[in-house]
């Protein structure tokens, strides 16, 4: 593997610090750039995220194969980012639930064989799938404020929230493993009360919750600075047979160039597609922004005019009038690339990112097409779990299910031996395993 050279900006992204912090480290001698101002990744192993990249077991984890076709059900499926990643890892979807009509059309268009249930989740009868041995239940349930009027802070107290519906599916389907996805803000939502209640409910349902973790998409072959919280639970009767490990990071960071140009991620340049346009006034403003820049790079008089009252507020507000850079990962995609607070301008052309460019930044395959209006397509893509991140997580879930599968096979063999030998009755046998 050739030595990797990174810039100040990329180092800041990897370590989740500001560029001014990187500058301070240089002054203090904590990091030492080469003559051209860049860094060799191997010389920065005293930073844990970089050490993890260099010592990664990524390729080994990517080659984990399911011992059989594992069956899954997905809730809040959206446009399919999580579902595609799990499919690539080896899961077969028994059903996918989604209420948005355009997202359902997208799923059906790309996977005509998928059983897409287009309805309010509260109206879904999970008893219809009780005959299936569900290995995985997954879904990104929206985070809502919970009422703490109840005393037990358990399952009944979260009625009326979409997490309750997710929990109801767990209770009725009893999957071996579940995967929940949410915004990282859930960690501290309502001063931590929301997550505490979720943990209580999960324990009440008979599952061991792996300590929730925020994963940064840039570490999993996704050219985007997206962070999401993941919750993984394993049924208590199976937990002792498992050893879940979060996926290791990829050994390099993918940039916008990797998304839009032929290279390691895609075998051709990004194909043309529809997209939004800027109004004339904004077009003239955006033409003045350099790659990687934002409103701060405008002349002083235009800064004040464009920002209005926001000019005097605190914070960098660097998402405003933002032009992306080919040399860095994209900012987190939102539901629109052209709104004032969340501009995502192409690095060379003065226009918002197109639908296909949006999809590539989320690592959707080029043959995955979206339905509905332009605004709806942006929203579907912006709300999705990046496919490659889902794939990396899916591989580790497959590893856990393989562990369970191996243990069950081992127990069955011992049962057969015990039965055939007649030397141990089954009651005594099961007390030993």
Protein backbone atom coordinates (compact mmCIF):
# COMPACT_ATOMS: atom_id res chain seq x y z
CA UNK A 1 0.00 0.00 0.00
CA UNK A 2 1.49 3.36 -1.02
CA UNK A 3 1.96 6.11 1.53
CA UNK A 4 -1.06 8.34 1.91
CA UNK A 5 -0.58 12.10 1.85
CA UNK A 6 -3.27 14.33 3.34
CA UNK A 7 -3.84 18.07 3.71
CA UNK A 8 -4.65 20.21 6.76
CA UNK A 9 -8.31 20.25 5.76
CA UNK A 10 -8.56 16.48 5.40
CA UNK A 11 -6.74 15.96 8.70
CA UNK A 12 -9.30 18.22 10.39
CA UNK A 13 -12.13 16.16 8.89
CA UNK A 14 -10.62 12.86 10.05
CA UNK A 15 -10.10 14.10 13.60
CA UNK A 16 -13.35 16.12 13.82
CA UNK A 17 -11.55 19.32 14.73
CA UNK A 18 -11.47 22.79 13.18
CA UNK A 19 -8.74 23.88 10.81
CA UNK A 20 -7.73 26.51 13.36
CA UNK A 21 -7.08 23.68 15.82
CA UNK A 22 -4.80 22.02 13.26
CA UNK A 23 -2.93 25.34 12.91
CA UNK A 24 -2.45 25.53 16.68
CA UNK A 25 -1.10 21.97 16.71
CA UNK A 26 1.45 22.93 14.08
CA UNK A 27 2.62 25.91 16.13
CA UNK A 28 2.94 23.75 19.24
CA UNK A 29 4.80 21.01 17.34
CA UNK A 30 2.12 18.37 17.96
CA UNK A 31 2.08 17.71 14.21
CA UNK A 32 4.81 18.42 11.68
CA UNK A 33 3.90 18.93 8.02
CA UNK A 34 6.34 18.23 5.21
CA UNK A 35 7.87 21.04 3.14
CA UNK A 36 4.78 21.19 0.93
CA UNK A 37 2.55 21.60 3.99
CA UNK A 38 1.02 18.13 3.83
CA UNK A 39 1.24 15.04 6.02
CA UNK A 40 2.04 11.38 5.64
CA UNK A 41 -0.77 9.45 7.30
CA UNK A 42 1.68 6.91 8.75
CA UNK A 43 3.36 9.67 10.76
CA UNK A 44 0.12 10.54 12.54
CA UNK A 45 -0.61 7.23 14.25
CA UNK A 46 -0.62 8.89 17.67
CA UNK A 47 -4.17 9.94 16.72
CA UNK A 48 -6.50 7.01 17.37
CA UNK A 49 -8.73 7.44 14.28
CA UNK A 50 -5.67 7.38 12.02
CA UNK A 51 -4.18 4.40 13.85
CA UNK A 52 -7.48 2.58 13.28
CA UNK A 53 -7.35 3.37 9.55
CA UNK A 54 -3.80 2.06 9.20
CA UNK A 55 -4.46 -1.13 11.21
CA UNK A 56 -7.91 -1.70 9.72
CA UNK A 57 -9.40 -5.15 9.10
CA UNK A 58 -11.68 -3.65 6.43
CA UNK A 59 -10.94 -6.16 3.67
CA UNK A 60 -11.36 -9.12 6.00
CA UNK A 61 -14.69 -7.76 7.22
CA UNK A 62 -15.87 -7.10 3.66
CA UNK A 63 -15.31 -10.77 2.84
CA UNK A 64 -17.63 -12.10 5.55
CA UNK A 65 -20.20 -14.35 3.89
CA UNK A 66 -23.52 -15.39 5.44
CA UNK A 67 -23.82 -19.08 6.32
CA UNK A 68 -27.31 -18.91 4.85
CA UNK A 69 -29.62 -16.25 3.43
CA UNK A 70 -30.59 -14.20 6.45
CA UNK A 71 -34.12 -12.82 6.51
CA UNK A 72 -34.81 -9.20 7.36
CA UNK A 73 -37.66 -6.73 7.70
CA UNK A 74 -37.02 -3.02 7.32
CA UNK A 75 -39.12 -0.18 8.70
CA UNK A 76 -39.02 3.48 7.59
CA UNK A 77 -37.25 2.20 4.47
CA UNK A 78 -37.14 5.49 2.55
CA UNK A 79 -35.47 5.30 -0.85
CA UNK A 80 -33.48 2.17 0.03
CA UNK A 81 -29.99 3.24 1.13
CA UNK A 82 -29.99 0.98 4.18
CA UNK A 83 -31.78 -1.81 2.33
CA UNK A 84 -29.25 -1.90 -0.55
CA UNK A 85 -26.31 -2.03 1.87
CA UNK A 86 -27.89 -4.86 3.85
CA UNK A 87 -28.72 -6.69 0.61
CA UNK A 88 -25.07 -6.47 -0.45
CA UNK A 89 -24.06 -7.90 2.91
CA UNK A 90 -26.29 -10.93 2.34
CA UNK A 91 -29.73 -10.14 3.76
CA UNK A 92 -32.97 -11.00 1.97
CA UNK A 93 -35.79 -8.57 2.73
CA UNK A 94 -39.09 -10.24 3.59
CA UNK A 95 -40.84 -6.87 3.72
CA UNK A 96 -40.08 -3.15 3.72
CA UNK A 97 -42.44 -0.58 5.22
CA UNK A 98 -42.58 3.06 4.11
CA UNK A 99 -45.36 5.66 4.13
CA UNK A 100 -44.01 8.08 1.50
CA UNK A 101 -45.51 7.25 -1.89
CA UNK A 102 -42.53 8.44 -3.97
CA UNK A 103 -40.09 6.42 -1.86
CA UNK A 104 -42.30 3.34 -2.30
CA UNK A 105 -42.34 3.88 -6.06
CA UNK A 106 -38.54 4.17 -5.98
CA UNK A 107 -38.22 0.87 -4.11
CA UNK A 108 -40.60 -0.95 -6.44
CA UNK A 109 -38.97 0.49 -9.56
CA UNK A 110 -35.54 -0.80 -8.60
CA UNK A 111 -36.56 -4.04 -6.86
CA UNK A 112 -39.87 -5.27 -8.33
CA UNK A 113 -39.53 -8.44 -6.27
CA UNK A 114 -39.43 -6.61 -2.92
CA UNK A 115 -42.54 -6.71 -0.76
CA UNK A 116 -43.07 -2.97 -0.16
CA UNK A 117 -45.80 -2.21 2.39
CA UNK A 118 -47.00 1.32 1.66
CA UNK A 119 -48.86 2.39 4.76
CA UNK A 120 -48.64 4.09 8.14
CA UNK A 121 -46.51 1.81 10.33
CA UNK A 122 -49.12 1.92 13.09
CA UNK A 123 -51.46 0.11 10.69
CA UNK A 124 -49.00 -2.70 9.90
CA UNK A 125 -49.89 -6.05 11.45
CA UNK A 126 -46.58 -7.74 12.17
CA UNK A 127 -48.41 -10.92 13.12
CA UNK A 128 -48.60 -11.55 9.36
CA UNK A 129 -44.86 -12.29 9.49
CA UNK A 130 -44.76 -14.29 12.72
CA UNK A 131 -44.27 -17.52 10.77
CA UNK A 132 -40.95 -16.26 9.45
CA UNK A 133 -37.78 -16.69 11.47
CA UNK A 134 -36.68 -13.04 11.25
CA UNK A 135 -32.96 -12.65 11.69
CA UNK A 136 -32.78 -8.85 11.50
CA UNK A 137 -35.21 -5.98 12.01
CA UNK A 138 -33.84 -2.64 10.83
CA UNK A 139 -34.94 0.92 10.37
CA UNK A 140 -34.23 4.58 11.01
CA UNK A 141 -37.07 5.59 13.30
CA UNK A 142 -37.55 9.38 13.55
CA UNK A 143 -36.63 10.83 16.93
CA UNK A 144 -39.59 12.45 18.66
CA UNK A 145 -39.95 13.99 22.08
CA UNK A 146 -41.30 11.46 24.54
CA UNK A 147 -43.81 12.16 27.29
CA UNK A 148 -42.51 11.35 30.74
CA UNK A 149 -45.91 11.42 32.42
CA UNK A 150 -45.77 7.68 33.00
CA UNK A 151 -44.04 6.20 36.00
CA UNK A 152 -42.27 3.18 34.55
CA UNK A 153 -40.67 4.93 31.55
CA UNK A 154 -41.05 1.66 29.66
CA UNK A 155 -42.82 0.28 26.60
CA UNK A 156 -46.27 1.71 27.38
CA UNK A 157 -44.86 5.18 28.05
CA UNK A 158 -43.59 5.62 24.49
CA UNK A 159 -46.99 5.06 22.88
CA UNK A 160 -47.73 7.60 20.19
CA UNK A 161 -44.12 7.87 19.04
CA UNK A 162 -42.58 6.18 16.03
CA UNK A 163 -40.04 4.53 18.31
CA UNK A 164 -43.01 2.77 19.94
CA UNK A 165 -43.90 1.29 16.53
CA UNK A 166 -40.29 0.16 16.08
CA UNK A 167 -40.39 -1.39 19.56
CA UNK A 168 -43.77 -3.00 18.82
CA UNK A 169 -42.25 -4.68 15.76
CA UNK A 170 -39.40 -6.00 17.91
CA UNK A 171 -41.87 -7.32 20.47
CA UNK A 172 -44.06 -9.06 17.90
CA UNK A 173 -41.38 -10.38 15.53
CA UNK A 174 -38.69 -11.26 18.11
CA UNK A 175 -35.81 -10.93 15.61
CA UNK A 176 -32.44 -12.31 16.60
CA UNK A 177 -30.87 -8.88 16.08
CA UNK A 178 -32.16 -5.37 15.43
CA UNK A 179 -30.51 -2.28 13.94
CA UNK A 180 -31.83 1.20 14.68
CA UNK A 181 -30.52 4.35 13.00
CA UNK A 182 -30.98 7.96 14.03
CA UNK A 183 -29.47 11.43 14.13
CA UNK A 184 -26.49 11.80 16.46
CA UNK A 185 -28.48 14.38 18.43
CA UNK A 186 -30.47 11.50 19.95
CA UNK A 187 -27.53 10.90 22.30
CA UNK A 188 -28.30 14.09 24.20
CA UNK A 189 -31.94 14.62 23.21
CA UNK A 190 -33.94 16.05 26.12
CA UNK A 191 -30.83 15.94 28.34
CA UNK A 192 -30.37 12.23 27.66
CA UNK A 193 -33.87 11.23 28.83
CA UNK A 194 -34.97 10.03 25.41
CA UNK A 195 -32.08 7.61 24.99
CA UNK A 196 -32.43 6.44 28.60
CA UNK A 197 -36.08 5.58 27.94
CA UNK A 198 -35.15 3.76 24.73
CA UNK A 199 -32.59 1.68 26.65
CA UNK A 200 -35.21 0.80 29.26
CA UNK A 201 -37.70 -0.29 26.62
CA UNK A 202 -35.12 -2.42 24.80
CA UNK A 203 -34.18 -4.21 28.02
CA UNK A 204 -37.88 -4.73 28.79
CA UNK A 205 -38.32 -6.36 25.37
CA UNK A 206 -35.60 -8.91 26.16
CA UNK A 207 -32.63 -7.51 24.25
CA UNK A 208 -29.09 -6.55 25.13
CA UNK A 209 -28.25 -3.16 23.63
CA UNK A 210 -24.71 -2.69 22.37
CA UNK A 211 -23.61 0.75 23.57
CA UNK A 212 -24.91 3.12 20.86
CA UNK A 213 -22.26 4.64 18.64
CA UNK A 214 -22.05 7.58 16.24
CA UNK A 215 -20.40 6.46 13.00
CA UNK A 216 -18.76 8.97 10.65
CA UNK A 217 -19.56 8.02 7.07
CA UNK A 218 -16.18 9.24 5.77
CA UNK A 219 -14.54 6.22 7.42
CA UNK A 220 -16.63 3.73 5.41
CA UNK A 221 -15.92 4.59 1.74
CA UNK A 222 -18.51 7.37 1.72
CA UNK A 223 -17.34 10.75 0.35
CA UNK A 224 -19.46 12.72 2.80
CA UNK A 225 -19.08 14.13 6.32
CA UNK A 226 -22.28 12.54 7.57
CA UNK A 227 -22.62 11.29 11.15
CA UNK A 228 -25.38 8.96 12.30
CA UNK A 229 -26.16 7.16 15.54
CA UNK A 230 -26.66 3.39 15.41
CA UNK A 231 -28.31 1.16 17.99
CA UNK A 232 -27.80 -2.59 17.80
CA UNK A 233 -29.63 -5.05 20.01
CA UNK A 234 -29.18 -8.80 20.34
CA UNK A 235 -31.82 -11.07 21.85
CA UNK A 236 -30.85 -12.00 25.41
CA UNK A 237 -31.08 -15.75 24.86
CA UNK A 238 -28.58 -15.45 21.99
CA UNK A 239 -26.30 -12.71 23.25
CA UNK A 240 -23.90 -15.07 25.05
CA UNK A 241 -23.01 -16.71 21.73
CA UNK A 242 -22.03 -13.45 20.05
CA UNK A 243 -19.26 -10.89 19.93
CA UNK A 244 -20.38 -7.86 17.95
CA UNK A 245 -17.58 -5.63 16.63
CA UNK A 246 -18.23 -2.26 15.02
CA UNK A 247 -16.88 -2.10 11.45
CA UNK A 248 -13.27 -1.01 11.01
CA UNK A 249 -12.63 2.12 8.95
CA UNK A 250 -11.49 2.02 5.34
CA UNK A 251 -7.80 2.82 4.93
CA UNK A 252 -8.37 6.11 3.14
CA UNK A 253 -10.90 8.93 2.99
CA UNK A 254 -12.99 9.27 -0.14
CA UNK A 255 -13.44 12.79 -1.52
CA UNK A 256 -15.91 14.48 -3.83
CA UNK A 257 -13.60 13.63 -6.72
CA UNK A 258 -14.06 9.93 -5.91
CA UNK A 259 -17.83 10.45 -6.06
CA UNK A 260 -18.06 12.42 -9.29
CA UNK A 261 -15.11 11.13 -11.33
CA UNK A 262 -14.06 7.69 -12.57
CA UNK A 263 -11.95 5.97 -9.94
CA UNK A 264 -12.12 3.63 -6.95
CA UNK A 265 -15.81 4.21 -6.22
CA UNK A 266 -17.27 4.32 -9.74
CA UNK A 267 -16.04 3.01 -13.08
CA UNK A 268 -17.10 6.13 -15.01
CA UNK A 269 -17.64 9.85 -14.49
CA UNK A 270 -20.97 10.83 -13.00
CA UNK A 271 -23.66 10.66 -15.71
CA UNK A 272 -25.75 13.78 -16.41
CA UNK A 273 -29.11 14.18 -14.68
CA UNK A 274 -31.68 16.75 -13.69
CA UNK A 275 -31.10 19.23 -10.91
CA UNK A 276 -32.15 22.55 -9.44
CA UNK A 277 -30.89 25.96 -10.61
CA UNK A 278 -29.97 29.14 -8.79
CA UNK A 279 -31.96 32.37 -9.24
CA UNK A 280 -29.96 35.03 -11.11
CA UNK A 281 -29.03 36.96 -7.96
CA UNK A 282 -27.70 33.89 -6.16
CA UNK A 283 -25.94 32.74 -9.35
CA UNK A 284 -23.86 35.93 -9.34
CA UNK A 285 -23.01 35.47 -5.66
CA UNK A 286 -22.02 31.83 -6.05
CA UNK A 287 -19.77 32.62 -9.00
CA UNK A 288 -17.52 34.55 -6.59
CA UNK A 289 -17.05 31.61 -4.19
CA UNK A 290 -13.87 29.50 -4.65
CA UNK A 291 -13.83 25.69 -4.27
CA UNK A 292 -14.13 24.84 -0.58
CA UNK A 293 -15.25 28.39 0.20
CA UNK A 294 -18.44 30.02 1.44
CA UNK A 295 -19.95 33.47 2.12
CA UNK A 296 -16.86 34.44 4.11
CA UNK A 297 -14.95 34.67 0.81
CA UNK A 298 -17.25 37.38 -0.58
CA UNK A 299 -16.30 41.08 -0.65
CA UNK A 300 -17.31 42.81 2.60
CA UNK A 301 -20.24 44.74 1.14
CA UNK A 302 -21.70 41.60 -0.45
CA UNK A 303 -21.22 39.63 2.77
CA UNK A 304 -23.42 42.07 4.65
CA UNK A 305 -26.00 42.24 1.89
CA UNK A 306 -26.24 38.48 1.38
CA UNK A 307 -26.23 37.51 5.05
CA UNK A 308 -28.51 40.27 6.30
CA UNK A 309 -29.08 40.08 10.07
CA UNK A 310 -27.24 36.73 10.18
CA UNK A 311 -24.00 38.63 9.51
CA UNK A 312 -23.98 39.86 13.11
CA UNK A 313 -24.77 36.51 14.72
CA UNK A 314 -22.13 34.21 16.17
CA UNK A 315 -20.84 31.02 14.59
CA UNK A 316 -19.14 30.42 11.28
CA UNK A 317 -22.31 29.58 9.34
CA UNK A 318 -19.99 27.98 6.76
CA UNK A 319 -22.81 26.02 5.13
CA UNK A 320 -24.18 29.25 3.65
CA UNK A 321 -23.15 29.98 0.03
CA UNK A 322 -20.93 26.90 0.20
CA UNK A 323 -19.04 25.62 -2.83
CA UNK A 324 -17.70 22.12 -2.40
CA UNK A 325 -14.14 21.00 -3.17
CA UNK A 326 -13.05 18.00 -5.21
CA UNK A 327 -10.24 17.42 -2.69
CA UNK A 328 -12.49 17.01 0.36
CA UNK A 329 -15.53 14.93 1.30
CA UNK A 330 -18.85 16.64 0.72
CA UNK A 331 -20.63 18.34 3.56
CA UNK A 332 -23.59 16.33 4.86
CA UNK A 333 -26.27 16.30 2.19
CA UNK A 334 -29.59 17.85 3.15
CA UNK A 335 -33.00 17.59 1.51
CA UNK A 336 -32.18 20.45 -0.88
CA UNK A 337 -28.84 21.60 -2.34
CA UNK A 338 -29.98 25.15 -3.13
CA UNK A 339 -31.53 26.56 0.07
CA UNK A 340 -29.68 29.47 1.65
CA UNK A 341 -28.65 27.64 4.82
CA UNK A 342 -27.57 24.44 3.07
CA UNK A 343 -26.09 25.28 -0.33
CA UNK A 344 -24.13 22.48 -1.95
CA UNK A 345 -22.60 24.05 -5.06
CA UNK A 346 -20.64 22.04 -7.60
CA UNK A 347 -16.86 22.62 -7.19
CA UNK A 348 -16.29 23.86 -10.76
CA UNK A 349 -19.65 24.74 -12.29
CA UNK A 350 -21.82 27.34 -10.61
CA UNK A 351 -24.91 25.25 -9.95
CA UNK A 352 -26.36 23.01 -7.24
CA UNK A 353 -25.42 19.35 -7.27
CA UNK A 354 -27.63 17.26 -9.56
CA UNK A 355 -29.76 14.28 -8.56
CA UNK A 356 -27.16 11.78 -9.76
CA UNK A 357 -24.33 13.64 -8.03
CA UNK A 358 -26.37 13.63 -4.83
CA UNK A 359 -26.93 9.89 -5.19
CA UNK A 360 -23.24 9.20 -5.75
CA UNK A 361 -22.24 11.13 -2.63
CA UNK A 362 -24.60 8.78 -0.76
CA UNK A 363 -22.91 5.86 -2.64
CA UNK A 364 -26.07 4.71 -4.41
CA UNK A 365 -25.26 2.65 -7.53
CA UNK A 366 -25.79 4.45 -10.84
CA UNK A 367 -28.52 2.01 -11.84
CA UNK A 368 -30.62 2.92 -8.78
CA UNK A 369 -33.21 5.41 -10.02
CA UNK A 370 -35.50 7.73 -8.09
CA UNK A 371 -39.12 8.70 -8.75
CA UNK A 372 -41.24 11.77 -8.07
CA UNK A 373 -40.54 15.48 -8.50
CA UNK A 374 -37.00 16.87 -8.42
CA UNK A 375 -37.62 18.13 -4.87
CA UNK A 376 -38.89 14.71 -3.81
CA UNK A 377 -35.85 12.96 -5.29
CA UNK A 378 -33.45 15.28 -3.46
CA UNK A 379 -35.37 14.64 -0.24
CA UNK A 380 -35.30 10.86 -0.67
CA UNK A 381 -31.56 10.88 -1.28
CA UNK A 382 -30.78 13.40 1.45
CA UNK A 383 -32.64 11.35 4.06
CA UNK A 384 -31.01 8.03 3.13
CA UNK A 385 -28.40 6.01 4.97
CA UNK A 386 -25.26 5.95 2.78
CA UNK A 387 -25.17 2.59 1.03
CA UNK A 388 -21.52 1.81 1.78
CA UNK A 389 -21.96 2.61 5.47
CA UNK A 390 -24.97 0.28 5.58
CA UNK A 391 -22.94 -2.39 3.80
CA UNK A 392 -20.10 -2.16 6.33
CA UNK A 393 -22.55 -2.47 9.22
CA UNK A 394 -24.40 -5.27 7.47
CA UNK A 395 -21.23 -7.34 7.23
CA UNK A 396 -20.74 -7.13 10.99
CA UNK A 397 -24.36 -8.09 11.60
CA UNK A 398 -23.86 -11.08 9.32
CA UNK A 399 -20.82 -12.02 11.44
CA UNK A 400 -23.01 -11.99 14.57
CA UNK A 401 -25.70 -14.11 12.92
CA UNK A 402 -23.01 -16.53 11.71
CA UNK A 403 -21.86 -16.87 15.33
CA UNK A 404 -25.43 -17.67 16.37
CA UNK A 405 -25.86 -20.08 13.45
CA UNK A 406 -22.66 -21.94 14.33
CA UNK A 407 -23.73 -22.25 17.96
CA UNK A 408 -27.19 -23.54 17.06
CA UNK A 409 -25.63 -26.13 14.73
CA UNK A 410 -23.23 -27.16 17.48
CA UNK A 411 -26.11 -27.60 19.95
CA UNK A 412 -28.14 -29.62 17.46
CA UNK A 413 -25.22 -31.99 16.91
CA UNK A 414 -24.84 -32.49 20.64
CA UNK A 415 -28.58 -33.12 20.94
CA UNK A 416 -28.34 -35.86 18.31
CA UNK A 417 -25.37 -37.43 20.04
CA UNK A 418 -27.12 -37.31 23.42
CA UNK A 419 -30.32 -38.80 22.01
CA UNK A 420 -28.52 -41.57 20.14
CA UNK A 421 -26.25 -42.51 23.02
CA UNK A 422 -29.09 -42.65 25.54
CA UNK A 423 -26.58 -41.60 28.18
CA UNK A 424 -28.17 -38.20 28.93
CA UNK A 425 -31.78 -37.14 29.04
CA UNK A 426 -32.56 -33.90 27.20
CA UNK A 427 -33.46 -32.01 30.37
CA UNK A 428 -29.98 -32.61 31.75
CA UNK A 429 -28.44 -31.88 28.35
CA UNK A 430 -30.01 -28.44 27.88
CA UNK A 431 -28.92 -27.44 31.37
CA UNK A 432 -25.29 -27.85 30.24
CA UNK A 433 -25.35 -25.74 27.02
